[in-house]
Structures are given as structure tokens and as C-alpha cells.
Amino acid sequence: MSLIFQIVLPMFALIALGFWAARYRGFSNAMVQGLSRFLGIYALPALLFSNMVKADIPEPLEWGFLASFYIAALAVFAFGSAGVWMAGRRESMAPVGLAGSFSNIALLGTPVIMEAYGPSVAVPVLLLIVFQSPLLFTVATLLAESQRSSGGRPIQAAVTAVKATAMSPLVVSVLLGLAVNLIHLPMPAMVMKGLGLMAQTVLPCACFTLGATLAFSPAGGSVLPALVVSVMKTAVHPALTWLLATYVFDLPPDWVAPAVTAASLPIGVNAHVFAERYQAGRDIVSMSLLISTLLSPISISVAFMVAHG
């Protein structure tokens, strides 16, 4: 539990700093938008590309493990998207769906899971990290672009959405990084160093902009939907993952444990960057990221107990 707080508390300090700067120190909304554009167009793609280039993709893949986690994630994505669609906020379908399904694996999950279960879970954790961004960001981007392109011509709108998705900096960075990885193309050390410097800005800048966004956004109307999204992420996602891993794919316990624990993690901060990138659902996503992080010590502890027996 102390390890969780050691990682979470600095994030809250950065969120509080962003809130204070926007509320009391003249950090304007235009400044927040500029920082958000830097994150969505440059820093986050740099992070995704460099991670994909350096990823050691294990063989063979444990498809039942991946299916348990990602079928549950996509189900939660669909539930969240449907909920905001029925509430009349179609433009928020993609960011809210992503928020309910995207786990904070790299920052919070890796040290916590490794500490809890030992080095034997390194491969399962790596599998989740490798596939999470390519799968969920692509689905979310396709949905977001389809919302932008929707109109009276569904086929033309679909084609436009696919083209826009293929050209999205988030998707392009993942695909290029995967291609470089698979063909073993050597990357100059200077290039990787520059990308690494940009990638290191994602977490502090995203937490800072999250706090600033909360300062500019009235929280009243977003608390209840954000609470629902947070519960879906920290309770429904791990419950579905456990059911699939245990009763559908019949995975051994040493594969069930990291899957359920990873699903119980709070929302990854990259979901907030995505919402800022598309200027949609920012109030719900920012508040749900905050609430899910507050709930995470409870959800992770419950996942530990379930995994142990």
C-alpha cells in the first residue's frame, strides 16, 4: 500500500500545482490549450513511438491472457460510450470510453504488480503495456474521427474517419514504432534521446494540465458521470477480467493475478491527453481520472485478495 501512495502522491502534487497556477497565478486557458496541443501532437506520440521501438514482444503470445483483459476493456469502453451517447453527448463517446478502459499500467501498475507478485509476472505486464496503446488508442481515435465526420453520407463519413485515424499522430507513432521494432531498424541514439526527453514530459505536463483543467471546468455536472466511469474502471473492468480469465479461458493463477490487478488500476493519464486533443469530454475524463486514482488503493487491494484466493 505504501508503494501505491509513493507513486500517487507526487501525481496529486502536480495536479494541485496546475489547479493553483490556473486559479491564482494567471495561468490562462489559452496556455493550458497550448500545453495540451504539445502533449497530444508531440510528447505523447514520442512516448508511444519510443516505447514501441524498445518493446521486447515475447513469443509465443498468451492469447487467453490478452483476450481476458482486452475483451473486458472493450466491453467497458462500449458501456461508457453508450452511456454518454444516451445522455446526448455524442462528441464525448470516444474520450469517456477510453477513460473507462485505459489502465495506468506503465507508471503505477508495473512497480505495484512486480512488488506484489515478483519477477515472474514481468512477461504478462509487458504484454499488457505493448498492446494497450495500439488497441485502445486506435479504437478511440476511429470513434472520435467518425464523430467529426458524421453526416448524411455514412459511407463517405466512414472513409473520412478511417483516413483521419490513419493520419492521427497517436496511431501513426504506434504503427511506425511497431514497424521499426519488427524489422529491427537501428535508430540513431541522438534521435531516441530526443524522443525520450519529450516522452518524459508527458506525465508531469499531463498532471499539471489536468489540475488546470479542473480549475477552469465547473465540477458540479461532471461528478456523477465521472464517478460512474471511475467505478467501471476500478470495479467492472477487473470483475469482467476475472470472470473471463477464470471461467472462459481457464488461465493459471499466475496469469489471472496480474490481469485482474492491472484491470483494477486507475485511469491512465494519457486518457486525459486524448480528451484534450479532441476537445471533448474533458470535464468527465479529468474528474474521473482524479476519482479513480483516489479509489485505486481500495481496488488494487481487493484485486490482491481475489488473486490470492
C-alpha atoms as a PDB file:
ATOM      1  CA  MET A   1       0.000   0.000   0.000  1.00  0.00           C
ATOM      2  CA  SER A   2       2.832   2.428   0.806  1.00  0.00           C
ATOM      3  CA  LEU A   3       4.273   1.845  -2.676  1.00  0.00           C
ATOM      4  CA  ILE A   4       0.963   2.937  -4.221  1.00  0.00           C
ATOM      5  CA  PHE A   5       0.985   6.174  -2.260  1.00  0.00           C
ATOM      6  CA  GLN A   6       4.634   6.829  -3.094  1.00  0.00           C
ATOM      7  CA  ILE A   7       3.650   6.902  -6.778  1.00  0.00           C
ATOM      8  CA  VAL A   8       0.227   8.517  -6.458  1.00  0.00           C
ATOM      9  CA  LEU A   9       1.064  11.398  -4.093  1.00  0.00           C
ATOM     10  CA  PRO A  10       3.557  13.116  -6.461  1.00  0.00           C
ATOM     11  CA  MET A  11       0.889  12.948  -9.182  1.00  0.00           C
ATOM     12  CA  PHE A  12      -1.593  14.697  -6.893  1.00  0.00           C
ATOM     13  CA  ALA A  13       1.040  17.317  -6.050  1.00  0.00           C
ATOM     14  CA  LEU A  14       1.411  18.131  -9.768  1.00  0.00           C
ATOM     15  CA  ILE A  15      -2.374  18.204 -10.221  1.00  0.00           C
ATOM     16  CA  ALA A  16      -2.666  20.586  -7.265  1.00  0.00           C
ATOM     17  CA  LEU A  17       0.082  22.778  -8.712  1.00  0.00           C
ATOM     18  CA  GLY A  18      -1.772  23.047 -12.023  1.00  0.00           C
ATOM     19  CA  PHE A  19      -5.012  23.909 -10.238  1.00  0.00           C
ATOM     20  CA  TRP A  20      -3.263  26.585  -8.154  1.00  0.00           C
ATOM     21  CA  ALA A  21      -1.486  28.083 -11.183  1.00  0.00           C
ATOM     22  CA  ALA A  22      -4.723  28.349 -13.175  1.00  0.00           C
ATOM     23  CA  ARG A  23      -6.858  29.602 -10.315  1.00  0.00           C
ATOM     24  CA  TYR A  24      -4.489  32.042  -8.603  1.00  0.00           C
ATOM     25  CA  ARG A  25      -1.343  32.666 -10.659  1.00  0.00           C
ATOM     26  CA  GLY A  26      -2.688  33.768 -14.032  1.00  0.00           C
ATOM     27  CA  PHE A  27      -2.050  30.560 -15.983  1.00  0.00           C
ATOM     28  CA  SER A  28      -4.667  31.189 -18.660  1.00  0.00           C
ATOM     29  CA  ASN A  29      -6.918  28.787 -20.522  1.00  0.00           C
ATOM     30  CA  ALA A  30      -5.009  29.596 -23.730  1.00  0.00           C
ATOM     31  CA  MET A  31      -1.795  28.461 -22.034  1.00  0.00           C
ATOM     32  CA  VAL A  32      -3.471  25.210 -20.984  1.00  0.00           C
ATOM     33  CA  GLN A  33      -4.668  24.607 -24.537  1.00  0.00           C
ATOM     34  CA  GLY A  34      -1.178  25.215 -25.901  1.00  0.00           C
ATOM     35  CA  LEU A  35       0.333  22.762 -23.436  1.00  0.00           C
ATOM     36  CA  SER A  36      -2.380  20.244 -24.275  1.00  0.00           C
ATOM     37  CA  ARG A  37      -1.624  20.535 -28.006  1.00  0.00           C
ATOM     38  CA  PHE A  38       2.055  19.933 -27.316  1.00  0.00           C
ATOM     39  CA  LEU A  39       1.155  16.795 -25.369  1.00  0.00           C
ATOM     40  CA  GLY A  40      -1.277  15.405 -27.935  1.00  0.00           C
ATOM     41  CA  ILE A  41       0.670  16.201 -31.094  1.00  0.00           C
ATOM     42  CA  TYR A  42       4.302  15.828 -29.982  1.00  0.00           C
ATOM     43  CA  ALA A  43       5.009  14.468 -26.497  1.00  0.00           C
ATOM     44  CA  LEU A  44       2.536  11.573 -26.343  1.00  0.00           C
ATOM     45  CA  PRO A  45       3.372  10.353 -29.888  1.00  0.00           C
ATOM     46  CA  ALA A  46       7.064  10.500 -28.907  1.00  0.00           C
ATOM     47  CA  LEU A  47       6.295   8.352 -25.859  1.00  0.00           C
ATOM     48  CA  LEU A  48       4.258   5.832 -27.857  1.00  0.00           C
ATOM     49  CA  PHE A  49       6.842   5.586 -30.646  1.00  0.00           C
ATOM     50  CA  SER A  50       9.830   5.148 -28.340  1.00  0.00           C
ATOM     51  CA  ASN A  51       8.010   2.561 -26.223  1.00  0.00           C
ATOM     52  CA  MET A  52       7.043   0.541 -29.292  1.00  0.00           C
ATOM     53  CA  VAL A  53      10.600   0.688 -30.671  1.00  0.00           C
ATOM     54  CA  LYS A  54      12.071  -0.585 -27.409  1.00  0.00           C
ATOM     55  CA  ALA A  55       9.337  -3.138 -26.597  1.00  0.00           C
ATOM     56  CA  ASP A  56      10.529  -6.732 -26.361  1.00  0.00           C
ATOM     57  CA  ILE A  57       7.480  -8.536 -27.755  1.00  0.00           C
ATOM     58  CA  PRO A  58       7.501 -12.048 -26.272  1.00  0.00           C
ATOM     59  CA  GLU A  59       6.782 -15.194 -28.268  1.00  0.00           C
ATOM     60  CA  PRO A  60       4.554 -17.076 -28.125  1.00  0.00           C
ATOM     61  CA  LEU A  61       1.832 -14.701 -27.007  1.00  0.00           C
ATOM     62  CA  GLU A  62      -0.599 -15.835 -24.297  1.00  0.00           C
ATOM     63  CA  TRP A  63      -3.784 -15.054 -26.205  1.00  0.00           C
ATOM     64  CA  GLY A  64      -6.129 -16.090 -23.398  1.00  0.00           C
ATOM     65  CA  PHE A  65      -4.458 -13.615 -21.049  1.00  0.00           C
ATOM     66  CA  LEU A  66      -4.680 -10.792 -23.571  1.00  0.00           C
ATOM     67  CA  ALA A  67      -8.247 -11.698 -24.513  1.00  0.00           C
ATOM     68  CA  SER A  68      -9.374 -11.699 -20.868  1.00  0.00           C
ATOM     69  CA  PHE A  69      -8.043  -8.209 -20.264  1.00  0.00           C
ATOM     70  CA  TYR A  70      -8.939  -6.599 -23.583  1.00  0.00           C
ATOM     71  CA  ILE A  71     -12.375  -8.130 -24.135  1.00  0.00           C
ATOM     72  CA  ALA A  72     -13.260  -6.737 -20.709  1.00  0.00           C
ATOM     73  CA  ALA A  73     -11.647  -3.387 -21.586  1.00  0.00           C
ATOM     74  CA  LEU A  74     -13.544  -3.118 -24.871  1.00  0.00           C
ATOM     75  CA  ALA A  75     -16.789  -4.065 -23.120  1.00  0.00           C
ATOM     76  CA  VAL A  76     -16.263  -1.257 -20.587  1.00  0.00           C
ATOM     77  CA  PHE A  77     -15.334   1.059 -23.463  1.00  0.00           C
ATOM     78  CA  ALA A  78     -18.633   0.206 -25.158  1.00  0.00           C
ATOM     79  CA  PHE A  79     -20.641   0.693 -21.929  1.00  0.00           C
ATOM     80  CA  GLY A  80     -19.093   4.090 -21.283  1.00  0.00           C
ATOM     81  CA  SER A  81     -19.545   5.258 -24.855  1.00  0.00           C
ATOM     82  CA  ALA A  82     -23.161   4.108 -24.900  1.00  0.00           C
ATOM     83  CA  GLY A  83     -23.845   5.890 -21.623  1.00  0.00           C
ATOM     84  CA  VAL A  84     -22.696   9.316 -22.815  1.00  0.00           C
ATOM     85  CA  TRP A  85     -24.408   8.741 -26.177  1.00  0.00           C
ATOM     86  CA  MET A  86     -27.728   8.140 -24.408  1.00  0.00           C
ATOM     87  CA  ALA A  87     -27.060  11.253 -22.312  1.00  0.00           C
ATOM     88  CA  GLY A  88     -26.894  13.289 -25.510  1.00  0.00           C
ATOM     89  CA  ARG A  89     -23.124  13.885 -25.522  1.00  0.00           C
ATOM     90  CA  ARG A  90     -22.112  12.021 -28.665  1.00  0.00           C
ATOM     91  CA  GLU A  91     -18.895  14.004 -29.061  1.00  0.00           C
ATOM     92  CA  SER A  92     -17.697  12.579 -25.710  1.00  0.00           C
ATOM     93  CA  MET A  93     -18.152   8.916 -26.625  1.00  0.00           C
ATOM     94  CA  ALA A  94     -14.517   8.248 -27.529  1.00  0.00           C
ATOM     95  CA  PRO A  95     -12.735  10.006 -24.630  1.00  0.00           C
ATOM     96  CA  VAL A  96     -15.155   8.685 -22.000  1.00  0.00           C
ATOM     97  CA  GLY A  97     -14.980   5.161 -23.433  1.00  0.00           C
ATOM     98  CA  LEU A  98     -11.198   5.339 -23.412  1.00  0.00           C
ATOM     99  CA  ALA A  99     -11.141   6.651 -19.846  1.00  0.00           C
ATOM    100  CA  GLY A 100     -13.192   3.708 -18.605  1.00  0.00           C
ATOM    101  CA  SER A 101     -10.886   1.139 -20.212  1.00  0.00           C
ATOM    102  CA  PHE A 102      -7.336   2.569 -20.194  1.00  0.00           C
ATOM    103  CA  SER A 103      -5.285   1.427 -17.189  1.00  0.00           C
ATOM    104  CA  ASN A 104      -2.334   3.261 -15.679  1.00  0.00           C
ATOM    105  CA  ILE A 105      -0.091   0.233 -16.221  1.00  0.00           C
ATOM    106  CA  ALA A 106       3.259   1.756 -17.137  1.00  0.00           C
ATOM    107  CA  LEU A 107       3.534   4.269 -14.293  1.00  0.00           C
ATOM    108  CA  LEU A 108       1.549   2.752 -11.434  1.00  0.00           C
ATOM    109  CA  GLY A 109       0.883  -0.836 -12.466  1.00  0.00           C
ATOM    110  CA  THR A 110       4.384  -2.075 -13.257  1.00  0.00           C
ATOM    111  CA  PRO A 111       6.033  -1.347  -9.879  1.00  0.00           C
ATOM    112  CA  VAL A 112       2.941  -2.328  -7.886  1.00  0.00           C
ATOM    113  CA  ILE A 113       2.337  -5.623  -9.710  1.00  0.00           C
ATOM    114  CA  MET A 114       6.025  -6.567  -9.710  1.00  0.00           C
ATOM    115  CA  GLU A 115       6.233  -5.822  -5.992  1.00  0.00           C
ATOM    116  CA  ALA A 116       3.123  -7.888  -5.260  1.00  0.00           C
ATOM    117  CA  TYR A 117       3.792 -10.981  -7.381  1.00  0.00           C
ATOM    118  CA  GLY A 118       7.525 -10.952  -8.068  1.00  0.00           C
ATOM    119  CA  PRO A 119       9.580 -11.037 -11.279  1.00  0.00           C
ATOM    120  CA  SER A 120       7.592 -13.961 -12.705  1.00  0.00           C
ATOM    121  CA  VAL A 121       4.851 -11.557 -13.838  1.00  0.00           C
ATOM    122  CA  ALA A 122       7.221  -9.437 -15.930  1.00  0.00           C
ATOM    123  CA  VAL A 123       6.082 -11.038 -19.195  1.00  0.00           C
ATOM    124  CA  PRO A 124       2.322 -10.630 -18.524  1.00  0.00           C
ATOM    125  CA  VAL A 125       2.836  -6.970 -17.577  1.00  0.00           C
ATOM    126  CA  LEU A 126       4.919  -6.373 -20.696  1.00  0.00           C
ATOM    127  CA  LEU A 127       2.213  -7.913 -22.883  1.00  0.00           C
ATOM    128  CA  LEU A 128      -0.394  -5.541 -21.466  1.00  0.00           C
ATOM    129  CA  ILE A 129       1.838  -2.495 -21.937  1.00  0.00           C
ATOM    130  CA  VAL A 130       2.733  -3.433 -25.522  1.00  0.00           C
ATOM    131  CA  PHE A 131      -0.854  -3.900 -26.694  1.00  0.00           C
ATOM    132  CA  GLN A 132      -2.828  -1.370 -24.645  1.00  0.00           C
ATOM    133  CA  SER A 133      -1.998   1.826 -26.538  1.00  0.00           C
ATOM    134  CA  PRO A 134      -2.149   0.385 -30.070  1.00  0.00           C
ATOM    135  CA  LEU A 135      -5.516  -1.251 -29.469  1.00  0.00           C
ATOM    136  CA  LEU A 136      -7.392   1.249 -27.324  1.00  0.00           C
ATOM    137  CA  PHE A 137      -5.988   4.438 -28.844  1.00  0.00           C
ATOM    138  CA  THR A 138      -6.808   3.173 -32.340  1.00  0.00           C
ATOM    139  CA  VAL A 139     -10.389   2.281 -31.386  1.00  0.00           C
ATOM    140  CA  ALA A 140     -10.857   5.616 -29.600  1.00  0.00           C
ATOM    141  CA  THR A 141      -9.340   7.605 -32.457  1.00  0.00           C
ATOM    142  CA  LEU A 142     -11.503   5.862 -35.031  1.00  0.00           C
ATOM    143  CA  LEU A 143     -14.614   6.614 -32.969  1.00  0.00           C
ATOM    144  CA  ALA A 144     -13.575  10.234 -32.371  1.00  0.00           C
ATOM    145  CA  GLU A 145     -12.876  10.815 -36.045  1.00  0.00           C
ATOM    146  CA  SER A 146     -16.174   9.210 -37.012  1.00  0.00           C
ATOM    147  CA  GLN A 147     -17.910  11.720 -34.731  1.00  0.00           C
ATOM    148  CA  ARG A 148     -16.140  14.548 -36.511  1.00  0.00           C
ATOM    149  CA  SER A 149     -17.051  13.145 -39.928  1.00  0.00           C
ATOM    150  CA  SER A 150     -20.631  12.104 -39.212  1.00  0.00           C
ATOM    151  CA  GLY A 151     -23.221  13.469 -41.575  1.00  0.00           C
ATOM    152  CA  GLY A 152     -25.778  12.429 -44.118  1.00  0.00           C
ATOM    153  CA  ARG A 153     -23.394  10.175 -46.062  1.00  0.00           C
ATOM    154  CA  PRO A 154     -22.411   7.289 -43.781  1.00  0.00           C
ATOM    155  CA  ILE A 155     -20.044   5.573 -46.232  1.00  0.00           C
ATOM    156  CA  GLN A 156     -18.183   8.781 -47.007  1.00  0.00           C
ATOM    157  CA  ALA A 157     -18.087   9.608 -43.308  1.00  0.00           C
ATOM    158  CA  ALA A 158     -16.630   6.174 -42.526  1.00  0.00           C
ATOM    159  CA  VAL A 159     -13.936   6.544 -45.187  1.00  0.00           C
ATOM    160  CA  THR A 160     -13.074  10.018 -43.909  1.00  0.00           C
ATOM    161  CA  ALA A 161     -12.862   8.693 -40.349  1.00  0.00           C
ATOM    162  CA  VAL A 162     -10.546   5.834 -41.357  1.00  0.00           C
ATOM    163  CA  LYS A 163      -8.270   8.237 -43.254  1.00  0.00           C
ATOM    164  CA  ALA A 164      -8.159  10.660 -40.331  1.00  0.00           C
ATOM    165  CA  THR A 165      -7.421   7.790 -37.937  1.00  0.00           C
ATOM    166  CA  ALA A 166      -4.586   6.560 -40.132  1.00  0.00           C
ATOM    167  CA  MET A 167      -3.084  10.058 -40.105  1.00  0.00           C
ATOM    168  CA  SER A 168      -3.564  10.674 -36.369  1.00  0.00           C
ATOM    169  CA  PRO A 169      -0.237  11.371 -34.606  1.00  0.00           C
ATOM    170  CA  LEU A 170      -1.166   8.834 -31.913  1.00  0.00           C
ATOM    171  CA  VAL A 171      -1.855   5.977 -34.336  1.00  0.00           C
ATOM    172  CA  VAL A 172       0.986   6.867 -36.716  1.00  0.00           C
ATOM    173  CA  SER A 173       3.506   6.893 -33.859  1.00  0.00           C
ATOM    174  CA  VAL A 174       2.407   3.444 -32.687  1.00  0.00           C
ATOM    175  CA  LEU A 175       2.466   1.923 -36.187  1.00  0.00           C
ATOM    176  CA  LEU A 176       5.844   3.441 -37.052  1.00  0.00           C
ATOM    177  CA  GLY A 177       7.331   2.285 -33.758  1.00  0.00           C
ATOM    178  CA  LEU A 178       5.976  -1.228 -34.286  1.00  0.00           C
ATOM    179  CA  ALA A 179       7.365  -1.327 -37.829  1.00  0.00           C
ATOM    180  CA  VAL A 180      10.811  -0.213 -36.645  1.00  0.00           C
ATOM    181  CA  ASN A 181      10.674  -2.864 -33.929  1.00  0.00           C
ATOM    182  CA  LEU A 182       9.636  -5.724 -36.206  1.00  0.00           C
ATOM    183  CA  ILE A 183      12.194  -5.034 -38.971  1.00  0.00           C
ATOM    184  CA  HIS A 184      14.923  -4.293 -36.395  1.00  0.00           C
ATOM    185  CA  LEU A 185      15.724  -0.927 -37.970  1.00  0.00           C
ATOM    186  CA  PRO A 186      18.501   0.737 -35.976  1.00  0.00           C
ATOM    187  CA  MET A 187      17.550   4.141 -34.647  1.00  0.00           C
ATOM    188  CA  PRO A 188      20.250   6.784 -34.087  1.00  0.00           C
ATOM    189  CA  ALA A 189      20.973   7.282 -30.403  1.00  0.00           C
ATOM    190  CA  MET A 190      20.545  11.046 -30.789  1.00  0.00           C
ATOM    191  CA  VAL A 191      17.024  10.588 -32.181  1.00  0.00           C
ATOM    192  CA  MET A 192      15.994   8.224 -29.385  1.00  0.00           C
ATOM    193  CA  LYS A 193      17.479  10.603 -26.809  1.00  0.00           C
ATOM    194  CA  GLY A 194      15.432  13.496 -28.174  1.00  0.00           C
ATOM    195  CA  LEU A 195      12.260  11.403 -28.244  1.00  0.00           C
ATOM    196  CA  GLY A 196      12.987  10.233 -24.714  1.00  0.00           C
ATOM    197  CA  LEU A 197      13.285  13.810 -23.466  1.00  0.00           C
ATOM    198  CA  MET A 198       9.902  14.660 -24.974  1.00  0.00           C
ATOM    199  CA  ALA A 199       8.364  11.450 -23.623  1.00  0.00           C
ATOM    200  CA  GLN A 200       9.486  12.342 -20.097  1.00  0.00           C
ATOM    201  CA  THR A 201       7.301  15.459 -20.215  1.00  0.00           C
ATOM    202  CA  VAL A 202       4.048  13.510 -20.656  1.00  0.00           C
ATOM    203  CA  LEU A 203       3.369  12.641 -17.026  1.00  0.00           C
ATOM    204  CA  PRO A 204       4.235  15.990 -15.348  1.00  0.00           C
ATOM    205  CA  CYS A 205       2.639  18.088 -18.091  1.00  0.00           C
ATOM    206  CA  ALA A 206      -0.472  15.915 -18.216  1.00  0.00           C
ATOM    207  CA  CYS A 207      -0.927  16.085 -14.437  1.00  0.00           C
ATOM    208  CA  PHE A 208      -0.365  19.851 -14.489  1.00  0.00           C
ATOM    209  CA  THR A 209      -2.895  20.396 -17.313  1.00  0.00           C
ATOM    210  CA  LEU A 210      -5.344  18.111 -15.534  1.00  0.00           C
ATOM    211  CA  GLY A 211      -5.216  20.365 -12.469  1.00  0.00           C
ATOM    212  CA  ALA A 212      -5.542  23.489 -14.607  1.00  0.00           C
ATOM    213  CA  THR A 213      -8.475  21.972 -16.493  1.00  0.00           C
ATOM    214  CA  LEU A 214     -10.236  21.252 -13.198  1.00  0.00           C
ATOM    215  CA  ALA A 215      -9.748  24.901 -12.236  1.00  0.00           C
ATOM    216  CA  PHE A 216     -11.431  26.105 -15.432  1.00  0.00           C
ATOM    217  CA  SER A 217     -14.175  23.446 -15.568  1.00  0.00           C
ATOM    218  CA  PRO A 218     -17.176  23.562 -13.224  1.00  0.00           C
ATOM    219  CA  ALA A 219     -17.201  20.212 -11.446  1.00  0.00           C
ATOM    220  CA  GLY A 220     -20.852  20.108 -10.466  1.00  0.00           C
ATOM    221  CA  GLY A 221     -22.313  18.431 -13.536  1.00  0.00           C
ATOM    222  CA  SER A 222     -19.433  16.021 -14.080  1.00  0.00           C
ATOM    223  CA  VAL A 223     -19.024  14.427 -10.647  1.00  0.00           C
ATOM    224  CA  LEU A 224     -21.767  11.798 -11.009  1.00  0.00           C
ATOM    225  CA  PRO A 225     -20.849  10.614 -14.536  1.00  0.00           C
ATOM    226  CA  ALA A 226     -17.168  10.706 -13.552  1.00  0.00           C
ATOM    227  CA  LEU A 227     -17.917   8.532 -10.529  1.00  0.00           C
ATOM    228  CA  VAL A 228     -19.705   6.039 -12.781  1.00  0.00           C
ATOM    229  CA  VAL A 229     -16.735   5.936 -15.178  1.00  0.00           C
ATOM    230  CA  SER A 230     -14.338   5.503 -12.247  1.00  0.00           C
ATOM    231  CA  VAL A 231     -16.325   2.597 -10.818  1.00  0.00           C
ATOM    232  CA  MET A 232     -16.458   0.971 -14.242  1.00  0.00           C
ATOM    233  CA  LYS A 233     -12.678   1.267 -14.495  1.00  0.00           C
ATOM    234  CA  THR A 234     -11.734   0.143 -10.986  1.00  0.00           C
ATOM    235  CA  ALA A 235     -14.537  -2.389 -10.341  1.00  0.00           C
ATOM    236  CA  VAL A 236     -16.332  -3.520 -13.511  1.00  0.00           C
ATOM    237  CA  HIS A 237     -13.185  -3.915 -15.629  1.00  0.00           C
ATOM    238  CA  PRO A 238     -11.367  -6.159 -13.098  1.00  0.00           C
ATOM    239  CA  ALA A 239     -14.545  -8.149 -12.377  1.00  0.00           C
ATOM    240  CA  LEU A 240     -15.082  -8.899 -16.073  1.00  0.00           C
ATOM    241  CA  THR A 241     -11.393  -9.717 -16.493  1.00  0.00           C
ATOM    242  CA  TRP A 242     -11.526 -12.177 -13.593  1.00  0.00           C
ATOM    243  CA  LEU A 243     -14.632 -13.895 -14.962  1.00  0.00           C
ATOM    244  CA  LEU A 244     -13.118 -14.269 -18.436  1.00  0.00           C
ATOM    245  CA  ALA A 245      -9.700 -15.377 -17.199  1.00  0.00           C
ATOM    246  CA  THR A 246     -11.118 -17.888 -14.718  1.00  0.00           C
ATOM    247  CA  TYR A 247     -14.205 -19.344 -16.370  1.00  0.00           C
ATOM    248  CA  VAL A 248     -13.756 -18.742 -20.110  1.00  0.00           C
ATOM    249  CA  PHE A 249     -10.018 -19.059 -20.772  1.00  0.00           C
ATOM    250  CA  ASP A 250      -9.179 -21.122 -17.668  1.00  0.00           C
ATOM    251  CA  LEU A 251      -5.864 -19.365 -17.079  1.00  0.00           C
ATOM    252  CA  PRO A 252      -3.477 -20.499 -14.335  1.00  0.00           C
ATOM    253  CA  PRO A 253      -3.381 -18.332 -11.190  1.00  0.00           C
ATOM    254  CA  ASP A 254      -0.020 -16.736 -12.064  1.00  0.00           C
ATOM    255  CA  TRP A 255      -1.652 -15.284 -15.195  1.00  0.00           C
ATOM    256  CA  VAL A 256      -5.003 -14.421 -13.606  1.00  0.00           C
ATOM    257  CA  ALA A 257      -3.423 -12.333 -10.831  1.00  0.00           C
ATOM    258  CA  PRO A 258      -1.610  -9.728 -12.986  1.00  0.00           C
ATOM    259  CA  ALA A 259      -4.568  -9.475 -15.381  1.00  0.00           C
ATOM    260  CA  VAL A 260      -7.071  -8.696 -12.618  1.00  0.00           C
ATOM    261  CA  THR A 261      -4.691  -6.362 -10.790  1.00  0.00           C
ATOM    262  CA  ALA A 262      -3.871  -4.432 -13.973  1.00  0.00           C
ATOM    263  CA  ALA A 263      -7.590  -4.051 -14.680  1.00  0.00           C
ATOM    264  CA  SER A 264      -8.138  -2.656 -11.169  1.00  0.00           C
ATOM    265  CA  LEU A 265      -5.679   0.204 -11.765  1.00  0.00           C
ATOM    266  CA  PRO A 266      -6.938   3.786 -12.084  1.00  0.00           C
ATOM    267  CA  ILE A 267      -7.354   5.568 -15.394  1.00  0.00           C
ATOM    268  CA  GLY A 268      -4.111   6.303 -17.211  1.00  0.00           C
ATOM    269  CA  VAL A 269      -3.291   9.987 -17.547  1.00  0.00           C
ATOM    270  CA  ASN A 270      -2.980   9.555 -21.320  1.00  0.00           C
ATOM    271  CA  ALA A 271      -6.781   9.348 -21.474  1.00  0.00           C
ATOM    272  CA  HIS A 272      -6.859  12.963 -20.295  1.00  0.00           C
ATOM    273  CA  VAL A 273      -4.379  13.915 -23.040  1.00  0.00           C
ATOM    274  CA  PHE A 274      -6.686  12.248 -25.584  1.00  0.00           C
ATOM    275  CA  ALA A 275      -9.703  14.206 -24.321  1.00  0.00           C
ATOM    276  CA  GLU A 276      -7.729  17.441 -24.569  1.00  0.00           C
ATOM    277  CA  ARG A 277      -6.570  16.519 -28.055  1.00  0.00           C
ATOM    278  CA  TYR A 278     -10.157  16.155 -29.296  1.00  0.00           C
ATOM    279  CA  GLN A 279     -11.600  18.870 -27.037  1.00  0.00           C
ATOM    280  CA  ALA A 280     -14.400  16.563 -25.916  1.00  0.00           C
ATOM    281  CA  GLY A 281     -15.463  15.009 -22.620  1.00  0.00           C
ATOM    282  CA  ARG A 282     -12.718  16.850 -20.777  1.00  0.00           C
ATOM    283  CA  ASP A 283     -14.811  17.557 -17.685  1.00  0.00           C
ATOM    284  CA  ILE A 284     -15.828  13.914 -17.221  1.00  0.00           C
ATOM    285  CA  VAL A 285     -12.410  12.463 -18.061  1.00  0.00           C
ATOM    286  CA  SER A 286     -10.442  14.826 -15.828  1.00  0.00           C
ATOM    287  CA  MET A 287     -12.768  14.285 -12.872  1.00  0.00           C
ATOM    288  CA  SER A 288     -12.900  10.504 -13.397  1.00  0.00           C
ATOM    289  CA  LEU A 289      -9.101  10.328 -13.527  1.00  0.00           C
ATOM    290  CA  LEU A 290      -8.981  12.076 -10.181  1.00  0.00           C
ATOM    291  CA  ILE A 291     -11.689   9.909  -8.597  1.00  0.00           C
ATOM    292  CA  SER A 292     -10.317   6.621  -9.943  1.00  0.00           C
ATOM    293  CA  THR A 293      -6.873   7.464  -8.571  1.00  0.00           C
ATOM    294  CA  LEU A 294      -8.438   8.079  -5.152  1.00  0.00           C
ATOM    295  CA  LEU A 295     -10.243   4.732  -5.400  1.00  0.00           C
ATOM    296  CA  SER A 296      -7.195   2.813  -6.600  1.00  0.00           C
ATOM    297  CA  PRO A 297      -5.766   1.788  -3.194  1.00  0.00           C
ATOM    298  CA  ILE A 298      -9.083   0.069  -2.470  1.00  0.00           C
ATOM    299  CA  SER A 299      -9.497  -1.521  -5.903  1.00  0.00           C
ATOM    300  CA  ILE A 300      -5.894  -2.769  -6.026  1.00  0.00           C
ATOM    301  CA  SER A 301      -6.172  -4.203  -2.515  1.00  0.00           C
ATOM    302  CA  VAL A 302      -9.359  -6.067  -3.450  1.00  0.00           C
ATOM    303  CA  ALA A 303      -7.627  -7.387  -6.587  1.00  0.00           C
ATOM    304  CA  PHE A 304      -4.763  -8.668  -4.420  1.00  0.00           C
ATOM    305  CA  MET A 305      -7.200 -10.533  -2.182  1.00  0.00           C
ATOM    306  CA  VAL A 306      -9.066 -12.053  -5.120  1.00  0.00           C
ATOM    307  CA  ALA A 307      -5.807 -13.083  -6.801  1.00  0.00           C
ATOM    308  CA  HIS A 308      -4.572 -14.775  -3.638  1.00  0.00           C
ATOM    309  CA  GLY A 309      -7.620 -16.697  -3.201  1.00  0.00           C
END
